[in-house]
Amino acid sequence: MSENQHEVTNPLQACNDVFIRPSEVFKALSLKDNWSWIPFILVVAISSLPAYLYFGVVDFEWYMNNQLSLSMPDASPAELENMRAMSGSAETAKLSALIGSPIFLAIIAAVMGLFYTVVTRNDEKSIHSFFDWYGAQWWFMMPTLIASIISMGLILMVEPGAQVAQTILSPTSLAYIFSVEPDSKWSGFLSGVRLETIWTIYLGAICLQQWTNFSNKKSYIVAASPTVVILAIVFIWALI
């Protein structure tokens, strides 16, 4: 098969090929502008839907009681009642999911874009700006679409008013896979260990190999280091 048959020529093709030929995708992205809007829209739109659907079916009073008991274990009944009154409704939570998720993802992409900009700043091959690395983050996040779609499928099978844990929003996390209760001290750590995270790190490393002179080893170390540091902090916090 000729090399031209592997060439990535448009952003829609890139959205497909990033799962099967990421090296070719990042090679094309190095030369193209404004392709990252497509994964940005896909990731923001689809990642917002599981939480929106979740608050549409979960027993919201049960959910709030659980959240308050976890965040305020020593609160008096009067304090808990006041917090319940201030917590809003399921409709408020659904709206917050639609607004909050895109904002959160945009902040994460900006922080990671800055990280990649800084670590590649002295590389002779790297000519990419912060905005290039910011755009690349949305391609790195494409595997999260699979987890979001699985989550939506699971939520759509839940009966309205069900008392279902929030881990259903992260069906690829170890917390969901091993049915870890939210009140477990390991819940936060295991919720952060997700199968698609490995894929995301892999895409980051492939991009670094295409856009810089980094070796394979250095690319994987750089791509994995933010996740490893965050999980290490959460792990230590759980131990304490």
C-alpha atoms as a PDB file:
ATOM      1  CA  MET A   1       0.000   0.000   0.000  1.00  0.00           C
ATOM      2  CA  SER A   2       1.391   3.396  -0.959  1.00  0.00           C
ATOM      3  CA  GLU A   3       2.294   6.071   1.533  1.00  0.00           C
ATOM      4  CA  ASN A   4      -0.371   8.408   0.091  1.00  0.00           C
ATOM      5  CA  GLN A   5      -3.117   5.974   1.097  1.00  0.00           C
ATOM      6  CA  HIS A   6      -2.140   6.530   4.714  1.00  0.00           C
ATOM      7  CA  GLU A   7      -2.102  10.322   4.440  1.00  0.00           C
ATOM      8  CA  VAL A   8      -4.555  12.165   6.673  1.00  0.00           C
ATOM      9  CA  THR A   9      -6.190  14.846   4.552  1.00  0.00           C
ATOM     10  CA  ASN A  10      -9.037  16.303   6.634  1.00  0.00           C
ATOM     11  CA  PRO A  11     -10.095  16.707  10.305  1.00  0.00           C
ATOM     12  CA  LEU A  12     -12.993  14.244  10.098  1.00  0.00           C
ATOM     13  CA  GLN A  13     -10.656  11.548   8.846  1.00  0.00           C
ATOM     14  CA  ALA A  14      -8.234  12.529  11.602  1.00  0.00           C
ATOM     15  CA  CYS A  15     -10.935  11.941  14.249  1.00  0.00           C
ATOM     16  CA  ASN A  16     -11.174   8.357  13.064  1.00  0.00           C
ATOM     17  CA  ASP A  17      -7.480   7.786  12.401  1.00  0.00           C
ATOM     18  CA  VAL A  18      -6.360   9.118  15.791  1.00  0.00           C
ATOM     19  CA  PHE A  19      -7.566   5.765  17.181  1.00  0.00           C
ATOM     20  CA  ILE A  20      -5.749   3.609  14.626  1.00  0.00           C
ATOM     21  CA  ARG A  21      -2.961   5.703  13.044  1.00  0.00           C
ATOM     22  CA  PRO A  22      -2.194   8.475  15.553  1.00  0.00           C
ATOM     23  CA  SER A  23       1.316   9.021  14.240  1.00  0.00           C
ATOM     24  CA  GLU A  24      -0.060  10.016  10.831  1.00  0.00           C
ATOM     25  CA  VAL A  25      -2.649  12.257  12.456  1.00  0.00           C
ATOM     26  CA  PHE A  26      -0.113  14.209  14.497  1.00  0.00           C
ATOM     27  CA  LYS A  27       2.159  14.454  11.469  1.00  0.00           C
ATOM     28  CA  ALA A  28      -0.703  16.116   9.584  1.00  0.00           C
ATOM     29  CA  LEU A  29      -1.626  18.322  12.547  1.00  0.00           C
ATOM     30  CA  SER A  30       1.906  19.652  12.595  1.00  0.00           C
ATOM     31  CA  LEU A  31       1.219  21.209   9.180  1.00  0.00           C
ATOM     32  CA  LYS A  32      -2.484  22.067   9.410  1.00  0.00           C
ATOM     33  CA  ASP A  33      -4.375  24.814  11.235  1.00  0.00           C
ATOM     34  CA  ASN A  34      -7.842  24.830  12.810  1.00  0.00           C
ATOM     35  CA  TRP A  35      -8.357  21.065  12.805  1.00  0.00           C
ATOM     36  CA  SER A  36      -8.689  20.835  16.585  1.00  0.00           C
ATOM     37  CA  TRP A  37     -12.144  22.418  16.616  1.00  0.00           C
ATOM     38  CA  ILE A  38     -13.681  19.076  15.614  1.00  0.00           C
ATOM     39  CA  PRO A  39     -12.362  16.989  18.554  1.00  0.00           C
ATOM     40  CA  PHE A  40     -13.008  19.963  20.843  1.00  0.00           C
ATOM     41  CA  ILE A  41     -16.707  19.959  19.900  1.00  0.00           C
ATOM     42  CA  LEU A  42     -16.949  16.165  20.107  1.00  0.00           C
ATOM     43  CA  VAL A  43     -15.236  15.899  23.493  1.00  0.00           C
ATOM     44  CA  VAL A  44     -17.093  18.829  25.073  1.00  0.00           C
ATOM     45  CA  ALA A  45     -20.521  17.766  23.780  1.00  0.00           C
ATOM     46  CA  ILE A  46     -20.321  14.037  24.451  1.00  0.00           C
ATOM     47  CA  SER A  47     -18.479  14.298  27.779  1.00  0.00           C
ATOM     48  CA  SER A  48     -21.226  16.550  29.149  1.00  0.00           C
ATOM     49  CA  LEU A  49     -24.046  14.127  28.427  1.00  0.00           C
ATOM     50  CA  PRO A  50     -23.459  11.315  30.978  1.00  0.00           C
ATOM     51  CA  ALA A  51     -23.788  13.641  34.001  1.00  0.00           C
ATOM     52  CA  TYR A  52     -26.816  15.332  32.414  1.00  0.00           C
ATOM     53  CA  LEU A  53     -28.505  11.950  31.934  1.00  0.00           C
ATOM     54  CA  TYR A  54     -27.439  10.769  35.394  1.00  0.00           C
ATOM     55  CA  PHE A  55     -29.176  13.613  37.218  1.00  0.00           C
ATOM     56  CA  GLY A  56     -32.249  12.922  35.135  1.00  0.00           C
ATOM     57  CA  VAL A  57     -32.665   9.400  36.545  1.00  0.00           C
ATOM     58  CA  VAL A  58     -30.992   9.284  39.960  1.00  0.00           C
ATOM     59  CA  ASP A  59     -32.992   9.689  43.182  1.00  0.00           C
ATOM     60  CA  PHE A  60     -31.722  13.221  43.782  1.00  0.00           C
ATOM     61  CA  GLU A  61     -32.608  13.330  47.471  1.00  0.00           C
ATOM     62  CA  TRP A  62     -30.702  10.085  48.028  1.00  0.00           C
ATOM     63  CA  TYR A  63     -27.786  11.465  45.987  1.00  0.00           C
ATOM     64  CA  MET A  64     -27.617  14.688  48.011  1.00  0.00           C
ATOM     65  CA  ASN A  65     -27.826  12.823  51.317  1.00  0.00           C
ATOM     66  CA  ASN A  66     -24.886  10.663  50.250  1.00  0.00           C
ATOM     67  CA  GLN A  67     -22.843  13.641  49.080  1.00  0.00           C
ATOM     68  CA  LEU A  68     -23.475  15.566  52.284  1.00  0.00           C
ATOM     69  CA  SER A  69     -22.684  12.596  54.512  1.00  0.00           C
ATOM     70  CA  LEU A  70     -19.355  12.195  52.709  1.00  0.00           C
ATOM     71  CA  SER A  71     -18.393  15.882  52.667  1.00  0.00           C
ATOM     72  CA  MET A  72     -19.794  16.787  56.128  1.00  0.00           C
ATOM     73  CA  PRO A  73     -19.600  13.632  58.259  1.00  0.00           C
ATOM     74  CA  ASP A  74     -19.605  15.574  61.539  1.00  0.00           C
ATOM     75  CA  ALA A  75     -22.358  18.058  60.660  1.00  0.00           C
ATOM     76  CA  SER A  76     -25.461  18.374  62.830  1.00  0.00           C
ATOM     77  CA  PRO A  77     -28.915  17.567  61.416  1.00  0.00           C
ATOM     78  CA  ALA A  78     -29.687  21.305  61.262  1.00  0.00           C
ATOM     79  CA  GLU A  79     -26.512  22.009  59.285  1.00  0.00           C
ATOM     80  CA  LEU A  80     -27.276  19.177  56.894  1.00  0.00           C
ATOM     81  CA  GLU A  81     -30.802  20.479  56.380  1.00  0.00           C
ATOM     82  CA  ASN A  82     -29.480  23.954  55.603  1.00  0.00           C
ATOM     83  CA  MET A  83     -27.055  22.525  53.068  1.00  0.00           C
ATOM     84  CA  ARG A  84     -29.805  20.497  51.426  1.00  0.00           C
ATOM     85  CA  ALA A  85     -31.861  23.655  51.008  1.00  0.00           C
ATOM     86  CA  MET A  86     -28.901  25.384  49.347  1.00  0.00           C
ATOM     87  CA  SER A  87     -28.055  22.489  47.050  1.00  0.00           C
ATOM     88  CA  GLY A  88     -30.669  23.151  44.416  1.00  0.00           C
ATOM     89  CA  SER A  89     -32.611  20.575  42.436  1.00  0.00           C
ATOM     90  CA  ALA A  90     -31.941  17.840  39.909  1.00  0.00           C
ATOM     91  CA  GLU A  91     -32.641  20.371  37.155  1.00  0.00           C
ATOM     92  CA  THR A  92     -29.961  22.664  38.591  1.00  0.00           C
ATOM     93  CA  ALA A  93     -27.516  19.758  38.683  1.00  0.00           C
ATOM     94  CA  LYS A  94     -28.315  18.881  35.050  1.00  0.00           C
ATOM     95  CA  LEU A  95     -27.689  22.463  33.978  1.00  0.00           C
ATOM     96  CA  SER A  96     -24.455  22.562  35.975  1.00  0.00           C
ATOM     97  CA  ALA A  97     -23.314  19.386  34.211  1.00  0.00           C
ATOM     98  CA  LEU A  98     -23.856  20.945  30.795  1.00  0.00           C
ATOM     99  CA  ILE A  99     -22.004  24.122  31.752  1.00  0.00           C
ATOM    100  CA  GLY A 100     -19.445  22.862  34.256  1.00  0.00           C
ATOM    101  CA  SER A 101     -18.031  19.970  32.243  1.00  0.00           C
ATOM    102  CA  PRO A 102     -16.910  22.094  29.244  1.00  0.00           C
ATOM    103  CA  ILE A 103     -15.355  24.677  31.576  1.00  0.00           C
ATOM    104  CA  PHE A 104     -13.516  21.979  33.530  1.00  0.00           C
ATOM    105  CA  LEU A 105     -12.218  20.331  30.354  1.00  0.00           C
ATOM    106  CA  ALA A 106     -11.104  23.679  28.924  1.00  0.00           C
ATOM    107  CA  ILE A 107      -9.140  24.416  32.103  1.00  0.00           C
ATOM    108  CA  ILE A 108      -7.521  20.966  32.080  1.00  0.00           C
ATOM    109  CA  ALA A 109      -6.588  21.380  28.402  1.00  0.00           C
ATOM    110  CA  ALA A 110      -5.093  24.809  29.112  1.00  0.00           C
ATOM    111  CA  VAL A 111      -2.998  23.539  32.036  1.00  0.00           C
ATOM    112  CA  MET A 112      -1.776  20.550  30.049  1.00  0.00           C
ATOM    113  CA  GLY A 113      -1.142  22.723  26.989  1.00  0.00           C
ATOM    114  CA  LEU A 114       1.050  24.960  29.133  1.00  0.00           C
ATOM    115  CA  PHE A 115       2.885  21.931  30.512  1.00  0.00           C
ATOM    116  CA  TYR A 116       3.677  20.613  27.025  1.00  0.00           C
ATOM    117  CA  THR A 117       4.707  24.099  25.874  1.00  0.00           C
ATOM    118  CA  VAL A 118       7.168  24.437  28.742  1.00  0.00           C
ATOM    119  CA  VAL A 119       8.737  20.973  28.480  1.00  0.00           C
ATOM    120  CA  THR A 120       9.256  21.288  24.705  1.00  0.00           C
ATOM    121  CA  ARG A 121      10.441  24.895  24.743  1.00  0.00           C
ATOM    122  CA  ASN A 122      14.145  24.072  24.306  1.00  0.00           C
ATOM    123  CA  ASP A 123      13.670  21.346  21.719  1.00  0.00           C
ATOM    124  CA  GLU A 124      15.194  22.270  18.354  1.00  0.00           C
ATOM    125  CA  LYS A 125      12.475  20.573  16.302  1.00  0.00           C
ATOM    126  CA  SER A 126       9.527  21.970  18.244  1.00  0.00           C
ATOM    127  CA  ILE A 127       8.027  25.054  16.580  1.00  0.00           C
ATOM    128  CA  HIS A 128       4.657  24.753  18.254  1.00  0.00           C
ATOM    129  CA  SER A 129       3.061  27.440  20.387  1.00  0.00           C
ATOM    130  CA  PHE A 130       0.855  27.120  23.441  1.00  0.00           C
ATOM    131  CA  PHE A 131      -2.229  27.196  21.207  1.00  0.00           C
ATOM    132  CA  ASP A 132      -0.881  24.291  19.141  1.00  0.00           C
ATOM    133  CA  TRP A 133      -0.374  22.214  22.291  1.00  0.00           C
ATOM    134  CA  TYR A 134      -3.730  23.367  23.650  1.00  0.00           C
ATOM    135  CA  GLY A 135      -5.389  22.116  20.481  1.00  0.00           C
ATOM    136  CA  ALA A 136      -3.473  18.839  20.698  1.00  0.00           C
ATOM    137  CA  GLN A 137      -5.020  18.124  24.113  1.00  0.00           C
ATOM    138  CA  TRP A 138      -8.436  17.617  22.519  1.00  0.00           C
ATOM    139  CA  TRP A 139      -6.969  14.929  20.283  1.00  0.00           C
ATOM    140  CA  PHE A 140      -5.400  13.302  23.343  1.00  0.00           C
ATOM    141  CA  MET A 141      -8.864  13.287  24.991  1.00  0.00           C
ATOM    142  CA  MET A 142     -10.582  11.464  22.129  1.00  0.00           C
ATOM    143  CA  PRO A 143     -10.441   8.057  23.934  1.00  0.00           C
ATOM    144  CA  THR A 144     -12.608   9.566  26.684  1.00  0.00           C
ATOM    145  CA  LEU A 145     -15.473   9.525  24.175  1.00  0.00           C
ATOM    146  CA  ILE A 146     -15.556   5.734  24.436  1.00  0.00           C
ATOM    147  CA  ALA A 147     -15.951   5.900  28.216  1.00  0.00           C
ATOM    148  CA  SER A 148     -18.662   8.569  27.877  1.00  0.00           C
ATOM    149  CA  ILE A 149     -20.617   6.467  25.388  1.00  0.00           C
ATOM    150  CA  ILE A 150     -20.383   3.407  27.659  1.00  0.00           C
ATOM    151  CA  SER A 151     -21.562   5.536  30.590  1.00  0.00           C
ATOM    152  CA  MET A 152     -24.540   6.860  28.617  1.00  0.00           C
ATOM    153  CA  GLY A 153     -25.506   3.326  27.637  1.00  0.00           C
ATOM    154  CA  LEU A 154     -25.431   2.194  31.273  1.00  0.00           C
ATOM    155  CA  ILE A 155     -27.411   5.213  32.476  1.00  0.00           C
ATOM    156  CA  LEU A 156     -30.083   4.753  29.806  1.00  0.00           C
ATOM    157  CA  MET A 157     -30.737   1.289  31.242  1.00  0.00           C
ATOM    158  CA  VAL A 158     -31.349   2.705  34.734  1.00  0.00           C
ATOM    159  CA  GLU A 159     -34.933   3.200  35.925  1.00  0.00           C
ATOM    160  CA  PRO A 160     -35.899   6.777  36.928  1.00  0.00           C
ATOM    161  CA  GLY A 161     -35.553   7.361  40.655  1.00  0.00           C
ATOM    162  CA  ALA A 162     -32.849   4.732  41.042  1.00  0.00           C
ATOM    163  CA  GLN A 163     -30.238   4.914  43.763  1.00  0.00           C
ATOM    164  CA  VAL A 164     -27.182   4.428  41.583  1.00  0.00           C
ATOM    165  CA  ALA A 165     -23.682   5.510  42.560  1.00  0.00           C
ATOM    166  CA  GLN A 166     -21.958   8.323  40.693  1.00  0.00           C
ATOM    167  CA  THR A 167     -19.181   5.935  39.642  1.00  0.00           C
ATOM    168  CA  ILE A 168     -21.430   5.003  36.723  1.00  0.00           C
ATOM    169  CA  LEU A 169     -20.151   8.228  35.160  1.00  0.00           C
ATOM    170  CA  SER A 170     -16.680   6.618  35.016  1.00  0.00           C
ATOM    171  CA  PRO A 171     -17.373   3.047  33.901  1.00  0.00           C
ATOM    172  CA  THR A 172     -13.745   2.463  32.891  1.00  0.00           C
ATOM    173  CA  SER A 173     -12.410   3.438  36.313  1.00  0.00           C
ATOM    174  CA  LEU A 174     -11.220   0.837  38.798  1.00  0.00           C
ATOM    175  CA  ALA A 175     -13.724   2.243  41.292  1.00  0.00           C
ATOM    176  CA  TYR A 176     -16.604   1.233  39.007  1.00  0.00           C
ATOM    177  CA  ILE A 177     -15.072  -2.029  37.804  1.00  0.00           C
ATOM    178  CA  PHE A 178     -14.460  -3.240  41.380  1.00  0.00           C
ATOM    179  CA  SER A 179     -17.646  -1.655  42.820  1.00  0.00           C
ATOM    180  CA  VAL A 180     -15.778   0.486  45.344  1.00  0.00           C
ATOM    181  CA  GLU A 181     -18.152   2.331  47.655  1.00  0.00           C
ATOM    182  CA  PRO A 182     -18.001   6.166  47.603  1.00  0.00           C
ATOM    183  CA  ASP A 183     -17.235   6.263  51.337  1.00  0.00           C
ATOM    184  CA  SER A 184     -14.094   4.137  50.872  1.00  0.00           C
ATOM    185  CA  LYS A 185     -10.867   6.042  51.412  1.00  0.00           C
ATOM    186  CA  TRP A 186      -9.641   4.552  48.131  1.00  0.00           C
ATOM    187  CA  SER A 187     -12.638   5.759  46.135  1.00  0.00           C
ATOM    188  CA  GLY A 188     -10.952   8.961  44.925  1.00  0.00           C
ATOM    189  CA  PHE A 189      -7.755   7.213  43.878  1.00  0.00           C
ATOM    190  CA  LEU A 190      -9.471   4.307  42.120  1.00  0.00           C
ATOM    191  CA  SER A 191     -11.901   6.680  40.408  1.00  0.00           C
ATOM    192  CA  GLY A 192      -8.885   8.436  38.917  1.00  0.00           C
ATOM    193  CA  VAL A 193      -7.361   5.220  37.545  1.00  0.00           C
ATOM    194  CA  ARG A 194      -9.171   4.807  34.237  1.00  0.00           C
ATOM    195  CA  LEU A 195      -8.414   2.494  31.347  1.00  0.00           C
ATOM    196  CA  GLU A 196      -8.622   5.264  28.749  1.00  0.00           C
ATOM    197  CA  THR A 197      -5.965   7.241  30.635  1.00  0.00           C
ATOM    198  CA  ILE A 198      -3.329   4.833  29.297  1.00  0.00           C
ATOM    199  CA  TRP A 199      -4.589   5.520  25.778  1.00  0.00           C
ATOM    200  CA  THR A 200      -4.481   9.265  26.404  1.00  0.00           C
ATOM    201  CA  ILE A 201      -0.880   9.038  27.606  1.00  0.00           C
ATOM    202  CA  TYR A 202      -0.017   6.982  24.531  1.00  0.00           C
ATOM    203  CA  LEU A 203      -1.431   9.669  22.217  1.00  0.00           C
ATOM    204  CA  GLY A 204       0.521  12.350  24.056  1.00  0.00           C
ATOM    205  CA  ALA A 205       3.734  10.362  23.619  1.00  0.00           C
ATOM    206  CA  ILE A 206       3.080   9.784  19.904  1.00  0.00           C
ATOM    207  CA  CYS A 207       2.486  13.513  19.414  1.00  0.00           C
ATOM    208  CA  LEU A 208       5.734  14.347  21.205  1.00  0.00           C
ATOM    209  CA  GLN A 209       7.606  11.929  18.963  1.00  0.00           C
ATOM    210  CA  GLN A 210       6.178  13.631  15.888  1.00  0.00           C
ATOM    211  CA  TRP A 211       6.555  17.242  17.010  1.00  0.00           C
ATOM    212  CA  THR A 212       9.894  17.078  18.841  1.00  0.00           C
ATOM    213  CA  ASN A 213      13.231  15.301  18.877  1.00  0.00           C
ATOM    214  CA  PHE A 214      12.299  13.490  22.098  1.00  0.00           C
ATOM    215  CA  SER A 215      13.199   9.806  22.254  1.00  0.00           C
ATOM    216  CA  ASN A 216      10.453   7.225  22.729  1.00  0.00           C
ATOM    217  CA  LYS A 217      11.382   6.834  26.398  1.00  0.00           C
ATOM    218  CA  LYS A 218      11.419  10.573  27.084  1.00  0.00           C
ATOM    219  CA  SER A 219       8.124  11.044  25.226  1.00  0.00           C
ATOM    220  CA  TYR A 220       6.352   8.477  27.392  1.00  0.00           C
ATOM    221  CA  ILE A 221       7.874   9.863  30.594  1.00  0.00           C
ATOM    222  CA  VAL A 222       6.757  13.399  29.735  1.00  0.00           C
ATOM    223  CA  ALA A 223       3.269  12.302  28.642  1.00  0.00           C
ATOM    224  CA  ALA A 224       2.728  10.152  31.731  1.00  0.00           C
ATOM    225  CA  SER A 225       4.260  12.423  34.368  1.00  0.00           C
ATOM    226  CA  PRO A 226       1.244  14.714  35.056  1.00  0.00           C
ATOM    227  CA  THR A 227      -1.061  11.729  35.559  1.00  0.00           C
ATOM    228  CA  VAL A 228       1.473   9.874  37.696  1.00  0.00           C
ATOM    229  CA  VAL A 229       2.057  12.922  39.910  1.00  0.00           C
ATOM    230  CA  ILE A 230      -1.669  13.550  40.423  1.00  0.00           C
ATOM    231  CA  LEU A 231      -2.405   9.895  41.203  1.00  0.00           C
ATOM    232  CA  ALA A 232       0.566   9.756  43.578  1.00  0.00           C
ATOM    233  CA  ILE A 233      -0.788  12.764  45.493  1.00  0.00           C
ATOM    234  CA  VAL A 234      -4.282  11.223  45.688  1.00  0.00           C
ATOM    235  CA  PHE A 235      -2.775   7.893  46.776  1.00  0.00           C
ATOM    236  CA  ILE A 236      -0.733   9.511  49.560  1.00  0.00           C
ATOM    237  CA  TRP A 237      -3.800  11.512  50.657  1.00  0.00           C
ATOM    238  CA  ALA A 238      -5.781   8.257  50.915  1.00  0.00           C
ATOM    239  CA  LEU A 239      -3.034   6.705  53.044  1.00  0.00           C
ATOM    240  CA  ILE A 240      -3.029   9.694  55.383  1.00  0.00           C
END
